[in-house]
Amino acid sequence: MSFSAYKSFNTELSDKDRECLVGYFRLADTIADFIGPHCELVIHSFENFEQSVVKIINGHQTGREVGSPMTDLGLKMLRHVEKTGELTPKSYFTKNKDGALLKSTTCVLAGEGGRPIGMFCINMNLSYPFSEIMQTLMPDIAQHNGAVIENFNSNATDVITQALDNTIRDIENDPTITLKGKNKAIAKQLLENGIFELKDATPMVAERLGVTRHAVYKYIREFKL
């Protein structure tokens, strides 16, 4: 059923609807952590427009907190969705009460049975010097030196291959590991890094290490005890 089929958004939510909204809280936390303090994340509930904000991060950007009401623009956007059924999120520019320029986007959230239950909003404050905003997106020297290695590949085979390459290099450069213990150490590190969750990992590891699949399974069983 499309959103336009509902006559009013302001409605009582079911327990599942509320659970669905709460399920977006961690997504908001994740985006805020990724972008930084200049970005406000807000989740609104349609259950009570007078106190619609149920989650907010970096609320200092607009001076709001949990329990704040829906904005006038938010209500206008809802009415448009109600009339047209148009749900495509669109970015727009607005200003906070201090006159700071914000780039914003809003997504209507669906709950049980596809019913509209709230909104997910992102507000990026563009009034800060660009260098200050960029600084929050860039690592400092200490962080850069300890950057996490992540392999971005389009297929699982390449993920396994690169993980094997990196793990073998790590183990071979560790002087505390004996030649006899290298294969076992490689299998252990791959297990700890979750590589054996990929179904082709065991045969590929066995072939690369020059051992049988049974030997790899034996290593895994030992480490899981």
N, C-alpha and C. Protein backbone atom coordinates (compact mmCIF):
# COMPACT_ATOMS: atom_id res chain seq x y z
N MET A 1 0.85 -1.20 0.00
CA MET A 1 0.00 0.00 0.00
C MET A 1 0.88 1.25 0.00
N SER A 2 0.57 2.22 -0.85
CA SER A 2 1.38 3.44 -0.91
C SER A 2 1.06 4.36 0.25
N PHE A 3 2.01 5.24 0.56
CA PHE A 3 1.82 6.18 1.65
C PHE A 3 0.62 7.11 1.39
N SER A 4 0.35 7.37 0.11
CA SER A 4 -0.73 8.30 -0.21
C SER A 4 -2.10 7.74 0.14
N ALA A 5 -2.15 6.44 0.44
CA ALA A 5 -3.43 5.84 0.79
C ALA A 5 -3.87 6.20 2.20
N TYR A 6 -2.96 6.76 3.00
CA TYR A 6 -3.30 7.11 4.37
C TYR A 6 -3.74 8.57 4.44
N LYS A 7 -4.79 8.82 5.21
CA LYS A 7 -5.36 10.16 5.30
C LYS A 7 -4.62 11.04 6.30
N SER A 8 -3.94 10.42 7.26
CA SER A 8 -3.23 11.21 8.27
C SER A 8 -2.01 10.46 8.74
N PHE A 9 -0.91 11.21 8.93
CA PHE A 9 0.31 10.60 9.41
C PHE A 9 0.34 10.52 10.93
N ASN A 10 -0.27 11.48 11.58
CA ASN A 10 -0.20 11.56 13.04
C ASN A 10 -1.06 10.44 13.63
N THR A 11 -0.42 9.33 14.00
CA THR A 11 -1.19 8.15 14.40
C THR A 11 -0.44 7.37 15.47
N GLU A 12 -1.16 6.55 16.19
CA GLU A 12 -0.53 5.72 17.20
C GLU A 12 0.27 4.61 16.53
N LEU A 13 1.48 4.39 17.02
CA LEU A 13 2.34 3.37 16.45
C LEU A 13 2.20 2.06 17.22
N SER A 14 2.40 0.97 16.51
CA SER A 14 2.41 -0.33 17.17
C SER A 14 3.77 -0.55 17.82
N ASP A 15 3.87 -1.59 18.65
CA ASP A 15 5.16 -1.92 19.27
C ASP A 15 6.20 -2.23 18.20
N LYS A 16 5.78 -2.91 17.12
CA LYS A 16 6.71 -3.22 16.04
C LYS A 16 7.17 -1.96 15.33
N ASP A 17 6.25 -0.97 15.20
CA ASP A 17 6.62 0.30 14.58
C ASP A 17 7.69 1.00 15.41
N ARG A 18 7.49 1.00 16.73
CA ARG A 18 8.46 1.65 17.61
C ARG A 18 9.80 0.93 17.57
N GLU A 19 9.76 -0.40 17.50
CA GLU A 19 10.99 -1.17 17.39
C GLU A 19 11.70 -0.84 16.08
N CYS A 20 10.93 -0.63 15.04
CA CYS A 20 11.50 -0.28 13.74
C CYS A 20 12.22 1.06 13.81
N LEU A 21 11.60 2.03 14.47
CA LEU A 21 12.24 3.34 14.62
C LEU A 21 13.54 3.22 15.41
N VAL A 22 13.48 2.48 16.50
CA VAL A 22 14.67 2.29 17.33
C VAL A 22 15.78 1.60 16.52
N GLY A 23 15.37 0.76 15.58
CA GLY A 23 16.34 0.07 14.74
C GLY A 23 17.18 1.03 13.90
N TYR A 24 16.67 2.22 13.66
CA TYR A 24 17.41 3.22 12.89
C TYR A 24 18.36 4.03 13.77
N PHE A 25 18.27 3.89 15.08
CA PHE A 25 19.11 4.69 15.97
C PHE A 25 20.59 4.44 15.72
N ARG A 26 20.97 3.17 15.58
CA ARG A 26 22.38 2.86 15.37
C ARG A 26 22.87 3.37 14.02
N LEU A 27 21.99 3.38 13.01
CA LEU A 27 22.36 3.94 11.72
C LEU A 27 22.66 5.42 11.87
N ALA A 28 21.84 6.13 12.64
CA ALA A 28 22.09 7.55 12.89
C ALA A 28 23.42 7.75 13.61
N ASP A 29 23.68 6.93 14.61
CA ASP A 29 24.96 7.01 15.33
C ASP A 29 26.13 6.79 14.39
N THR A 30 25.98 5.82 13.49
CA THR A 30 27.05 5.48 12.56
C THR A 30 27.34 6.63 11.60
N ILE A 31 26.29 7.22 11.04
CA ILE A 31 26.48 8.33 10.10
C ILE A 31 27.09 9.53 10.80
N ALA A 32 26.62 9.82 12.01
CA ALA A 32 27.15 10.96 12.76
C ALA A 32 28.62 10.75 13.08
N ASP A 33 28.98 9.54 13.46
CA ASP A 33 30.38 9.24 13.76
C ASP A 33 31.24 9.36 12.52
N PHE A 34 30.69 8.98 11.37
CA PHE A 34 31.43 9.02 10.11
C PHE A 34 31.65 10.46 9.63
N ILE A 35 30.61 11.27 9.67
CA ILE A 35 30.70 12.62 9.12
C ILE A 35 31.31 13.61 10.12
N GLY A 36 30.92 13.49 11.39
CA GLY A 36 31.51 14.38 12.38
C GLY A 36 30.53 15.33 13.03
N PRO A 37 31.01 16.19 13.93
CA PRO A 37 30.14 17.04 14.76
C PRO A 37 29.40 18.14 14.02
N HIS A 38 29.74 18.39 12.76
CA HIS A 38 29.05 19.43 12.01
C HIS A 38 27.76 18.91 11.37
N CYS A 39 27.49 17.63 11.57
CA CYS A 39 26.31 17.00 10.96
C CYS A 39 25.33 16.57 12.04
N GLU A 40 24.09 17.03 11.92
CA GLU A 40 23.03 16.65 12.86
C GLU A 40 22.20 15.52 12.24
N LEU A 41 21.93 14.50 13.03
CA LEU A 41 21.07 13.39 12.63
C LEU A 41 19.83 13.40 13.51
N VAL A 42 18.65 13.33 12.89
CA VAL A 42 17.40 13.39 13.63
C VAL A 42 16.44 12.31 13.15
N ILE A 43 15.82 11.63 14.10
CA ILE A 43 14.75 10.69 13.77
C ILE A 43 13.47 11.19 14.41
N HIS A 44 12.45 11.39 13.58
CA HIS A 44 11.13 11.84 14.05
C HIS A 44 10.17 10.67 14.08
N SER A 45 9.27 10.69 15.03
CA SER A 45 8.15 9.75 15.08
C SER A 45 6.88 10.48 14.70
N PHE A 46 6.03 9.83 13.91
CA PHE A 46 4.75 10.44 13.52
C PHE A 46 3.67 10.27 14.58
N GLU A 47 4.04 9.68 15.70
CA GLU A 47 3.04 9.41 16.74
C GLU A 47 2.62 10.69 17.45
N ASN A 48 3.54 11.64 17.53
CA ASN A 48 3.24 12.89 18.25
C ASN A 48 4.05 14.01 17.63
N PHE A 49 3.41 14.81 16.78
CA PHE A 49 4.13 15.88 16.09
C PHE A 49 4.65 16.94 17.06
N GLU A 50 3.99 17.10 18.20
CA GLU A 50 4.43 18.11 19.18
C GLU A 50 5.73 17.70 19.87
N GLN A 51 6.00 16.40 19.91
CA GLN A 51 7.24 15.88 20.51
C GLN A 51 7.80 14.77 19.62
N SER A 52 8.00 15.11 18.37
CA SER A 52 8.30 14.08 17.37
C SER A 52 9.74 13.57 17.40
N VAL A 53 10.67 14.36 17.91
CA VAL A 53 12.07 13.95 17.89
C VAL A 53 12.31 12.85 18.93
N VAL A 54 12.64 11.65 18.45
CA VAL A 54 12.89 10.53 19.36
C VAL A 54 14.37 10.17 19.41
N LYS A 55 15.15 10.70 18.48
CA LYS A 55 16.59 10.48 18.47
C LYS A 55 17.25 11.67 17.80
N ILE A 56 18.29 12.22 18.42
CA ILE A 56 19.02 13.33 17.80
C ILE A 56 20.47 13.27 18.23
N ILE A 57 21.34 13.52 17.28
CA ILE A 57 22.79 13.55 17.52
C ILE A 57 23.30 14.89 17.00
N ASN A 58 24.16 15.52 17.77
CA ASN A 58 24.68 16.85 17.43
C ASN A 58 23.55 17.86 17.32
N GLY A 59 22.63 17.78 18.26
CA GLY A 59 21.49 18.69 18.27
C GLY A 59 21.86 20.14 18.49
N HIS A 60 23.13 20.40 18.87
CA HIS A 60 23.58 21.80 19.04
C HIS A 60 23.53 22.56 17.71
N GLN A 61 23.48 21.84 16.60
CA GLN A 61 23.44 22.51 15.31
C GLN A 61 22.12 23.25 15.08
N THR A 62 21.04 22.77 15.68
CA THR A 62 19.74 23.45 15.54
C THR A 62 19.12 23.80 16.88
N GLY A 63 19.80 23.44 17.97
CA GLY A 63 19.28 23.75 19.30
C GLY A 63 18.13 22.86 19.73
N ARG A 64 18.01 21.66 19.13
CA ARG A 64 16.91 20.76 19.48
C ARG A 64 17.40 19.61 20.34
N GLU A 65 16.44 18.89 20.91
CA GLU A 65 16.73 17.73 21.74
C GLU A 65 15.58 16.74 21.59
N VAL A 66 15.74 15.57 22.19
CA VAL A 66 14.66 14.59 22.18
C VAL A 66 13.42 15.22 22.81
N GLY A 67 12.27 15.09 22.14
CA GLY A 67 11.03 15.70 22.60
C GLY A 67 10.69 17.00 21.89
N SER A 68 11.59 17.47 21.03
CA SER A 68 11.29 18.68 20.24
C SER A 68 10.25 18.36 19.17
N PRO A 69 9.54 19.38 18.69
CA PRO A 69 8.45 19.14 17.73
C PRO A 69 8.94 19.01 16.29
N MET A 70 8.04 18.57 15.44
CA MET A 70 8.28 18.55 14.00
C MET A 70 8.40 19.99 13.50
N THR A 71 9.28 20.24 12.54
CA THR A 71 9.39 21.59 11.98
C THR A 71 8.25 21.88 11.02
N ASP A 72 8.07 23.15 10.72
CA ASP A 72 7.03 23.53 9.75
C ASP A 72 7.33 22.97 8.37
N LEU A 73 8.61 22.96 7.99
CA LEU A 73 8.98 22.41 6.69
C LEU A 73 8.74 20.90 6.67
N GLY A 74 9.02 20.24 7.80
CA GLY A 74 8.77 18.82 7.89
C GLY A 74 7.29 18.50 7.69
N LEU A 75 6.42 19.28 8.31
CA LEU A 75 4.98 19.08 8.17
C LEU A 75 4.53 19.32 6.72
N LYS A 76 5.15 20.33 6.09
CA LYS A 76 4.81 20.62 4.70
C LYS A 76 5.24 19.47 3.79
N MET A 77 6.40 18.91 4.06
CA MET A 77 6.87 17.79 3.26
C MET A 77 5.97 16.57 3.43
N LEU A 78 5.51 16.36 4.65
CA LEU A 78 4.61 15.24 4.91
C LEU A 78 3.31 15.38 4.13
N ARG A 79 2.79 16.58 4.12
CA ARG A 79 1.54 16.82 3.39
C ARG A 79 1.74 16.55 1.91
N HIS A 80 2.91 16.91 1.39
CA HIS A 80 3.20 16.65 -0.03
C HIS A 80 3.25 15.15 -0.30
N VAL A 81 3.90 14.41 0.61
CA VAL A 81 3.97 12.96 0.45
C VAL A 81 2.58 12.35 0.51
N GLU A 82 1.77 12.84 1.44
CA GLU A 82 0.42 12.32 1.61
C GLU A 82 -0.42 12.52 0.35
N LYS A 83 -0.23 13.67 -0.30
CA LYS A 83 -1.03 13.98 -1.48
C LYS A 83 -0.54 13.28 -2.74
N THR A 84 0.78 13.15 -2.87
CA THR A 84 1.35 12.67 -4.13
C THR A 84 1.91 11.25 -4.06
N GLY A 85 2.24 10.78 -2.85
CA GLY A 85 2.88 9.47 -2.72
C GLY A 85 4.34 9.50 -3.13
N GLU A 86 4.88 10.68 -3.40
CA GLU A 86 6.27 10.83 -3.82
C GLU A 86 7.19 10.65 -2.62
N LEU A 87 8.06 9.64 -2.69
CA LEU A 87 8.90 9.29 -1.54
C LEU A 87 10.39 9.49 -1.78
N THR A 88 10.77 9.88 -3.00
CA THR A 88 12.19 10.01 -3.32
C THR A 88 12.84 11.09 -2.47
N PRO A 89 13.84 10.74 -1.64
CA PRO A 89 14.51 11.77 -0.82
C PRO A 89 15.19 12.80 -1.70
N LYS A 90 15.08 14.04 -1.31
CA LYS A 90 15.70 15.13 -2.07
C LYS A 90 16.49 16.01 -1.11
N SER A 91 17.67 16.40 -1.53
CA SER A 91 18.47 17.31 -0.72
C SER A 91 17.98 18.73 -0.93
N TYR A 92 18.10 19.53 0.09
CA TYR A 92 17.68 20.93 0.00
C TYR A 92 18.51 21.76 0.97
N PHE A 93 18.48 23.06 0.79
CA PHE A 93 19.21 23.97 1.66
C PHE A 93 18.24 24.75 2.53
N THR A 94 18.62 24.95 3.78
CA THR A 94 17.80 25.71 4.70
C THR A 94 18.72 26.43 5.68
N LYS A 95 18.17 27.13 6.65
CA LYS A 95 18.97 27.83 7.65
C LYS A 95 18.45 27.52 9.03
N ASN A 96 19.37 27.44 10.01
CA ASN A 96 18.92 27.25 11.39
C ASN A 96 18.56 28.60 11.98
N LYS A 97 18.17 28.64 13.25
CA LYS A 97 17.69 29.88 13.86
C LYS A 97 18.79 30.93 14.01
N ASP A 98 20.05 30.50 13.90
CA ASP A 98 21.16 31.45 13.96
C ASP A 98 21.56 31.94 12.58
N GLY A 99 20.87 31.47 11.56
CA GLY A 99 21.16 31.90 10.19
C GLY A 99 22.21 31.08 9.48
N ALA A 100 22.69 29.99 10.11
CA ALA A 100 23.71 29.16 9.49
C ALA A 100 23.10 28.33 8.37
N LEU A 101 23.83 28.22 7.26
CA LEU A 101 23.35 27.47 6.10
C LEU A 101 23.50 25.97 6.35
N LEU A 102 22.41 25.24 6.11
CA LEU A 102 22.42 23.79 6.27
C LEU A 102 22.08 23.13 4.94
N LYS A 103 22.77 22.04 4.63
CA LYS A 103 22.33 21.18 3.54
C LYS A 103 21.66 19.99 4.18
N SER A 104 20.42 19.72 3.79
CA SER A 104 19.61 18.73 4.47
C SER A 104 19.00 17.72 3.51
N THR A 105 18.65 16.57 4.05
CA THR A 105 17.88 15.59 3.31
C THR A 105 16.98 14.86 4.29
N THR A 106 15.83 14.41 3.80
CA THR A 106 14.84 13.76 4.65
C THR A 106 14.29 12.52 3.96
N CYS A 107 14.18 11.45 4.73
CA CYS A 107 13.64 10.19 4.20
C CYS A 107 12.48 9.74 5.09
N VAL A 108 11.33 9.48 4.49
CA VAL A 108 10.18 8.98 5.24
C VAL A 108 10.39 7.50 5.53
N LEU A 109 10.19 7.09 6.78
CA LEU A 109 10.42 5.72 7.21
C LEU A 109 9.11 4.94 7.25
N ALA A 110 9.16 3.70 6.80
CA ALA A 110 7.98 2.83 6.80
C ALA A 110 8.09 1.81 7.92
N GLY A 111 6.94 1.47 8.50
CA GLY A 111 6.89 0.48 9.57
C GLY A 111 6.08 -0.72 9.16
N GLU A 112 5.34 -1.25 10.10
CA GLU A 112 4.55 -2.46 9.88
C GLU A 112 3.53 -2.24 8.77
N GLY A 113 3.52 -3.14 7.80
CA GLY A 113 2.58 -3.05 6.68
C GLY A 113 2.86 -1.91 5.73
N GLY A 114 4.07 -1.36 5.77
CA GLY A 114 4.41 -0.25 4.88
C GLY A 114 3.87 1.09 5.33
N ARG A 115 3.34 1.16 6.56
CA ARG A 115 2.75 2.40 7.05
C ARG A 115 3.84 3.42 7.39
N PRO A 116 3.66 4.69 7.02
CA PRO A 116 4.64 5.72 7.38
C PRO A 116 4.66 5.95 8.89
N ILE A 117 5.85 5.87 9.48
CA ILE A 117 5.94 5.98 10.93
C ILE A 117 6.88 7.08 11.40
N GLY A 118 7.69 7.62 10.51
CA GLY A 118 8.62 8.66 10.95
C GLY A 118 9.49 9.17 9.83
N MET A 119 10.47 9.98 10.18
CA MET A 119 11.39 10.54 9.21
C MET A 119 12.82 10.44 9.72
N PHE A 120 13.74 10.22 8.80
CA PHE A 120 15.17 10.19 9.08
C PHE A 120 15.76 11.41 8.40
N CYS A 121 16.35 12.32 9.18
CA CYS A 121 16.82 13.59 8.63
C CYS A 121 18.31 13.79 8.88
N ILE A 122 19.00 14.34 7.89
CA ILE A 122 20.41 14.68 8.01
C ILE A 122 20.57 16.16 7.70
N ASN A 123 21.22 16.89 8.61
CA ASN A 123 21.44 18.33 8.44
C ASN A 123 22.92 18.64 8.59
N MET A 124 23.55 19.03 7.50
CA MET A 124 24.98 19.35 7.51
C MET A 124 25.16 20.86 7.58
N ASN A 125 25.83 21.33 8.64
CA ASN A 125 26.05 22.75 8.82
C ASN A 125 27.23 23.20 7.96
N LEU A 126 26.95 24.06 6.96
CA LEU A 126 27.97 24.51 6.02
C LEU A 126 28.57 25.86 6.39
N SER A 127 28.19 26.40 7.54
CA SER A 127 28.65 27.74 7.91
C SER A 127 30.07 27.74 8.47
N TYR A 128 30.58 26.56 8.86
CA TYR A 128 31.94 26.49 9.39
C TYR A 128 32.95 26.65 8.26
N PRO A 129 34.15 27.11 8.55
CA PRO A 129 35.19 27.17 7.51
C PRO A 129 35.38 25.77 6.91
N PHE A 130 35.55 25.73 5.61
CA PHE A 130 35.66 24.44 4.93
C PHE A 130 36.82 23.61 5.48
N SER A 131 37.90 24.30 5.83
CA SER A 131 39.06 23.59 6.37
C SER A 131 38.72 22.90 7.69
N GLU A 132 37.85 23.50 8.49
CA GLU A 132 37.44 22.91 9.76
C GLU A 132 36.58 21.67 9.53
N ILE A 133 35.67 21.76 8.55
CA ILE A 133 34.83 20.61 8.23
C ILE A 133 35.69 19.47 7.70
N MET A 134 36.64 19.79 6.82
CA MET A 134 37.50 18.77 6.24
C MET A 134 38.37 18.11 7.30
N GLN A 135 38.77 18.88 8.30
CA GLN A 135 39.62 18.33 9.34
C GLN A 135 38.97 17.16 10.07
N THR A 136 37.63 17.25 10.22
CA THR A 136 36.92 16.16 10.89
C THR A 136 36.82 14.91 10.02
N LEU A 137 37.06 15.07 8.72
CA LEU A 137 36.98 13.94 7.79
C LEU A 137 38.34 13.33 7.49
N MET A 138 39.40 13.98 7.98
CA MET A 138 40.75 13.52 7.70
C MET A 138 41.42 12.99 8.96
N PRO A 139 42.25 11.96 8.82
CA PRO A 139 42.94 11.43 10.01
C PRO A 139 44.10 12.31 10.40
N ASP A 140 44.41 12.33 11.70
CA ASP A 140 45.65 12.99 12.08
C ASP A 140 46.80 12.03 11.82
N ILE A 141 48.02 12.45 12.03
CA ILE A 141 49.18 11.64 11.68
C ILE A 141 49.17 10.30 12.41
N ALA A 142 48.83 10.35 13.70
CA ALA A 142 48.82 9.13 14.50
C ALA A 142 47.79 8.13 13.98
N GLN A 143 46.60 8.64 13.63
CA GLN A 143 45.55 7.77 13.11
C GLN A 143 45.93 7.20 11.75
N HIS A 144 46.56 8.04 10.94
CA HIS A 144 46.91 7.61 9.58
C HIS A 144 47.92 6.47 9.62
N ASN A 145 48.89 6.58 10.53
CA ASN A 145 49.91 5.53 10.62
C ASN A 145 49.30 4.20 11.07
N GLY A 146 48.18 4.29 11.79
CA GLY A 146 47.55 3.06 12.27
C GLY A 146 46.28 2.73 11.51
N ALA A 147 46.21 3.19 10.25
CA ALA A 147 45.00 3.00 9.46
C ALA A 147 44.69 1.52 9.27
N VAL A 148 43.40 1.19 9.35
CA VAL A 148 42.96 -0.19 9.15
C VAL A 148 43.01 -0.53 7.67
N ILE A 149 43.52 -1.71 7.35
CA ILE A 149 43.56 -2.16 5.97
C ILE A 149 42.25 -2.87 5.64
N GLU A 150 41.59 -2.42 4.60
CA GLU A 150 40.34 -3.05 4.16
C GLU A 150 40.42 -3.29 2.67
N ASN A 151 40.13 -4.51 2.26
CA ASN A 151 40.20 -4.87 0.85
C ASN A 151 38.82 -4.77 0.21
N PHE A 152 38.68 -3.88 -0.74
CA PHE A 152 37.41 -3.69 -1.44
C PHE A 152 37.45 -4.47 -2.75
N ASN A 153 36.70 -5.55 -2.82
CA ASN A 153 36.71 -6.41 -4.00
C ASN A 153 35.28 -6.68 -4.45
N SER A 154 35.16 -7.09 -5.72
CA SER A 154 33.83 -7.35 -6.28
C SER A 154 33.42 -8.82 -6.17
N ASN A 155 34.35 -9.69 -5.73
CA ASN A 155 33.99 -11.10 -5.58
C ASN A 155 34.72 -11.71 -4.40
N ALA A 156 34.17 -12.81 -3.88
CA ALA A 156 34.71 -13.43 -2.67
C ALA A 156 36.09 -14.02 -2.88
N THR A 157 36.37 -14.52 -4.08
CA THR A 157 37.68 -15.11 -4.36
C THR A 157 38.80 -14.10 -4.14
N ASP A 158 38.58 -12.88 -4.62
CA ASP A 158 39.60 -11.85 -4.45
C ASP A 158 39.77 -11.46 -2.98
N VAL A 159 38.65 -11.45 -2.23
CA VAL A 159 38.73 -11.16 -0.80
C VAL A 159 39.61 -12.18 -0.10
N ILE A 160 39.38 -13.46 -0.41
CA ILE A 160 40.15 -14.55 0.22
C ILE A 160 41.62 -14.45 -0.19
N THR A 161 41.86 -14.21 -1.48
CA THR A 161 43.24 -14.13 -1.97
C THR A 161 44.02 -13.02 -1.30
N GLN A 162 43.41 -11.85 -1.20
CA GLN A 162 44.10 -10.73 -0.57
C GLN A 162 44.30 -10.96 0.91
N ALA A 163 43.31 -11.57 1.56
CA ALA A 163 43.45 -11.87 2.99
C ALA A 163 44.59 -12.86 3.20
N LEU A 164 44.69 -13.84 2.32
CA LEU A 164 45.79 -14.81 2.39
C LEU A 164 47.13 -14.12 2.20
N ASP A 165 47.22 -13.26 1.20
CA ASP A 165 48.48 -12.55 0.93
C ASP A 165 48.91 -11.75 2.16
N ASN A 166 47.96 -11.00 2.73
CA ASN A 166 48.28 -10.16 3.88
C ASN A 166 48.67 -10.99 5.10
N THR A 167 47.94 -12.08 5.32
CA THR A 167 48.20 -12.92 6.49
C THR A 167 49.54 -13.64 6.36
N ILE A 168 49.81 -14.17 5.19
CA ILE A 168 51.10 -14.84 4.98
C ILE A 168 52.25 -13.86 5.18
N ARG A 169 52.11 -12.66 4.68
CA ARG A 169 53.15 -11.64 4.87
C ARG A 169 53.35 -11.33 6.35
N ASP A 170 52.24 -11.19 7.09
CA ASP A 170 52.34 -10.90 8.52
C ASP A 170 53.06 -12.01 9.27
N ILE A 171 52.68 -13.25 8.97
CA ILE A 171 53.26 -14.39 9.69
C ILE A 171 54.73 -14.57 9.32
N GLU A 172 55.06 -14.42 8.05
CA GLU A 172 56.45 -14.58 7.63
C GLU A 172 57.36 -13.50 8.20
N ASN A 173 56.79 -12.35 8.53
CA ASN A 173 57.59 -11.26 9.10
C ASN A 173 57.63 -11.31 10.62
N ASP A 174 56.99 -12.32 11.21
CA ASP A 174 56.99 -12.46 12.66
C ASP A 174 58.09 -13.45 13.06
N PRO A 175 59.20 -12.95 13.64
CA PRO A 175 60.33 -13.82 13.96
C PRO A 175 60.04 -14.81 15.10
N THR A 176 58.95 -14.59 15.82
CA THR A 176 58.63 -15.49 16.94
C THR A 176 57.95 -16.77 16.49
N ILE A 177 57.52 -16.82 15.22
CA ILE A 177 56.82 -18.00 14.71
C ILE A 177 57.80 -18.88 13.95
N THR A 178 57.87 -20.14 14.34
CA THR A 178 58.79 -21.09 13.69
C THR A 178 58.26 -21.50 12.33
N LEU A 179 59.14 -22.03 11.52
CA LEU A 179 58.75 -22.49 10.19
C LEU A 179 57.68 -23.57 10.30
N LYS A 180 57.83 -24.45 11.28
CA LYS A 180 56.88 -25.54 11.47
C LYS A 180 55.50 -25.03 11.86
N GLY A 181 55.46 -23.90 12.56
CA GLY A 181 54.19 -23.38 13.05
C GLY A 181 53.52 -22.35 12.16
N LYS A 182 54.14 -22.04 11.01
CA LYS A 182 53.61 -20.96 10.16
C LYS A 182 52.22 -21.27 9.62
N ASN A 183 52.02 -22.48 9.08
CA ASN A 183 50.71 -22.80 8.49
C ASN A 183 49.60 -22.70 9.54
N LYS A 184 49.88 -23.22 10.71
CA LYS A 184 48.89 -23.17 11.78
C LYS A 184 48.61 -21.74 12.20
N ALA A 185 49.65 -20.91 12.25
CA ALA A 185 49.49 -19.50 12.61
C ALA A 185 48.69 -18.75 11.56
N ILE A 186 48.93 -19.09 10.30
CA ILE A 186 48.18 -18.45 9.21
C ILE A 186 46.71 -18.81 9.30
N ALA A 187 46.41 -20.08 9.52
CA ALA A 187 45.02 -20.51 9.64
C ALA A 187 44.34 -19.84 10.84
N LYS A 188 45.08 -19.71 11.93
CA LYS A 188 44.50 -19.08 13.12
C LYS A 188 44.13 -17.63 12.86
N GLN A 189 45.04 -16.88 12.21
CA GLN A 189 44.77 -15.47 11.95
C GLN A 189 43.60 -15.31 10.98
N LEU A 190 43.54 -16.18 9.98
CA LEU A 190 42.41 -16.12 9.03
C LEU A 190 41.10 -16.42 9.74
N LEU A 191 41.11 -17.37 10.66
CA LEU A 191 39.91 -17.71 11.42
C LEU A 191 39.48 -16.52 12.28
N GLU A 192 40.44 -15.90 12.97
CA GLU A 192 40.13 -14.76 13.82
C GLU A 192 39.60 -13.58 13.02
N ASN A 193 40.02 -13.49 11.75
CA ASN A 193 39.57 -12.39 10.89
C ASN A 193 38.29 -12.73 10.13
N GLY A 194 37.72 -13.92 10.39
CA GLY A 194 36.42 -14.28 9.82
C GLY A 194 36.45 -14.77 8.39
N ILE A 195 37.63 -15.01 7.83
CA ILE A 195 37.72 -15.38 6.41
C ILE A 195 37.06 -16.73 6.13
N PHE A 196 37.07 -17.64 7.11
CA PHE A 196 36.48 -18.95 6.87
C PHE A 196 34.95 -18.91 6.83
N GLU A 197 34.36 -17.74 7.03
CA GLU A 197 32.92 -17.59 6.82
C GLU A 197 32.58 -17.64 5.33
N LEU A 198 33.57 -17.39 4.48
CA LEU A 198 33.38 -17.47 3.03
C LEU A 198 33.58 -18.93 2.60
N LYS A 199 32.64 -19.47 1.85
CA LYS A 199 32.58 -20.91 1.61
C LYS A 199 33.77 -21.46 0.85
N ASP A 200 34.42 -20.65 0.02
CA ASP A 200 35.56 -21.15 -0.76
C ASP A 200 36.90 -20.97 -0.04
N ALA A 201 36.86 -20.47 1.19
CA ALA A 201 38.11 -20.16 1.89
C ALA A 201 38.93 -21.41 2.20
N THR A 202 38.28 -22.46 2.71
CA THR A 202 39.02 -23.65 3.13
C THR A 202 39.82 -24.29 1.99
N PRO A 203 39.20 -24.58 0.83
CA PRO A 203 40.00 -25.18 -0.25
C PRO A 203 41.10 -24.25 -0.77
N MET A 204 40.83 -22.94 -0.79
CA MET A 204 41.83 -22.01 -1.29
C MET A 204 43.01 -21.92 -0.33
N VAL A 205 42.72 -21.92 0.97
CA VAL A 205 43.79 -21.87 1.97
C VAL A 205 44.62 -23.15 1.91
N ALA A 206 43.93 -24.27 1.81
CA ALA A 206 44.64 -25.55 1.75
C ALA A 206 45.59 -25.60 0.54
N GLU A 207 45.10 -25.18 -0.61
CA GLU A 207 45.92 -25.20 -1.82
C GLU A 207 47.13 -24.27 -1.69
N ARG A 208 46.87 -23.09 -1.14
CA ARG A 208 47.95 -22.09 -1.01
C ARG A 208 49.02 -22.55 -0.03
N LEU A 209 48.61 -23.22 1.03
CA LEU A 209 49.56 -23.66 2.06
C LEU A 209 50.17 -25.02 1.74
N GLY A 210 49.63 -25.68 0.72
CA GLY A 210 50.17 -26.97 0.34
C GLY A 210 49.81 -28.07 1.31
N VAL A 211 48.62 -27.96 1.89
CA VAL A 211 48.15 -28.99 2.83
C VAL A 211 46.77 -29.46 2.38
N THR A 212 46.26 -30.48 3.04
CA THR A 212 44.93 -30.98 2.71
C THR A 212 43.84 -30.13 3.37
N ARG A 213 42.65 -30.26 2.85
CA ARG A 213 41.52 -29.57 3.48
C ARG A 213 41.32 -30.11 4.90
N HIS A 214 41.55 -31.41 5.05
CA HIS A 214 41.41 -32.01 6.37
C HIS A 214 42.33 -31.33 7.38
N ALA A 215 43.53 -30.99 6.94
CA ALA A 215 44.48 -30.32 7.84
C ALA A 215 43.97 -28.95 8.25
N VAL A 216 43.38 -28.23 7.30
CA VAL A 216 42.83 -26.90 7.61
C VAL A 216 41.67 -27.04 8.58
N TYR A 217 40.77 -28.02 8.32
CA TYR A 217 39.65 -28.24 9.23
C TYR A 217 40.15 -28.58 10.63
N LYS A 218 41.24 -29.34 10.70
CA LYS A 218 41.81 -29.74 11.98
C LYS A 218 42.30 -28.51 12.74
N TYR A 219 42.97 -27.60 12.03
CA TYR A 219 43.42 -26.35 12.66
C TYR A 219 42.20 -25.59 13.24
N ILE A 220 41.17 -25.48 12.42
CA ILE A 220 39.98 -24.70 12.83
C ILE A 220 39.35 -25.32 14.06
N ARG A 221 39.21 -26.65 14.07
CA ARG A 221 38.61 -27.32 15.23
C ARG A 221 39.44 -27.07 16.49
N GLU A 222 40.75 -27.10 16.36
CA GLU A 222 41.62 -26.88 17.52
C GLU A 222 41.45 -25.47 18.07
N PHE A 223 41.33 -24.50 17.19
CA PHE A 223 41.23 -23.11 17.63
C PHE A 223 39.87 -22.81 18.24
N LYS A 224 38.85 -23.57 17.83
CA LYS A 224 37.51 -23.34 18.35
C LYS A 224 37.24 -24.04 19.68
N LEU A 225 38.14 -24.93 20.10
CA LEU A 225 37.96 -25.63 21.36
C LEU A 225 38.10 -24.68 22.55
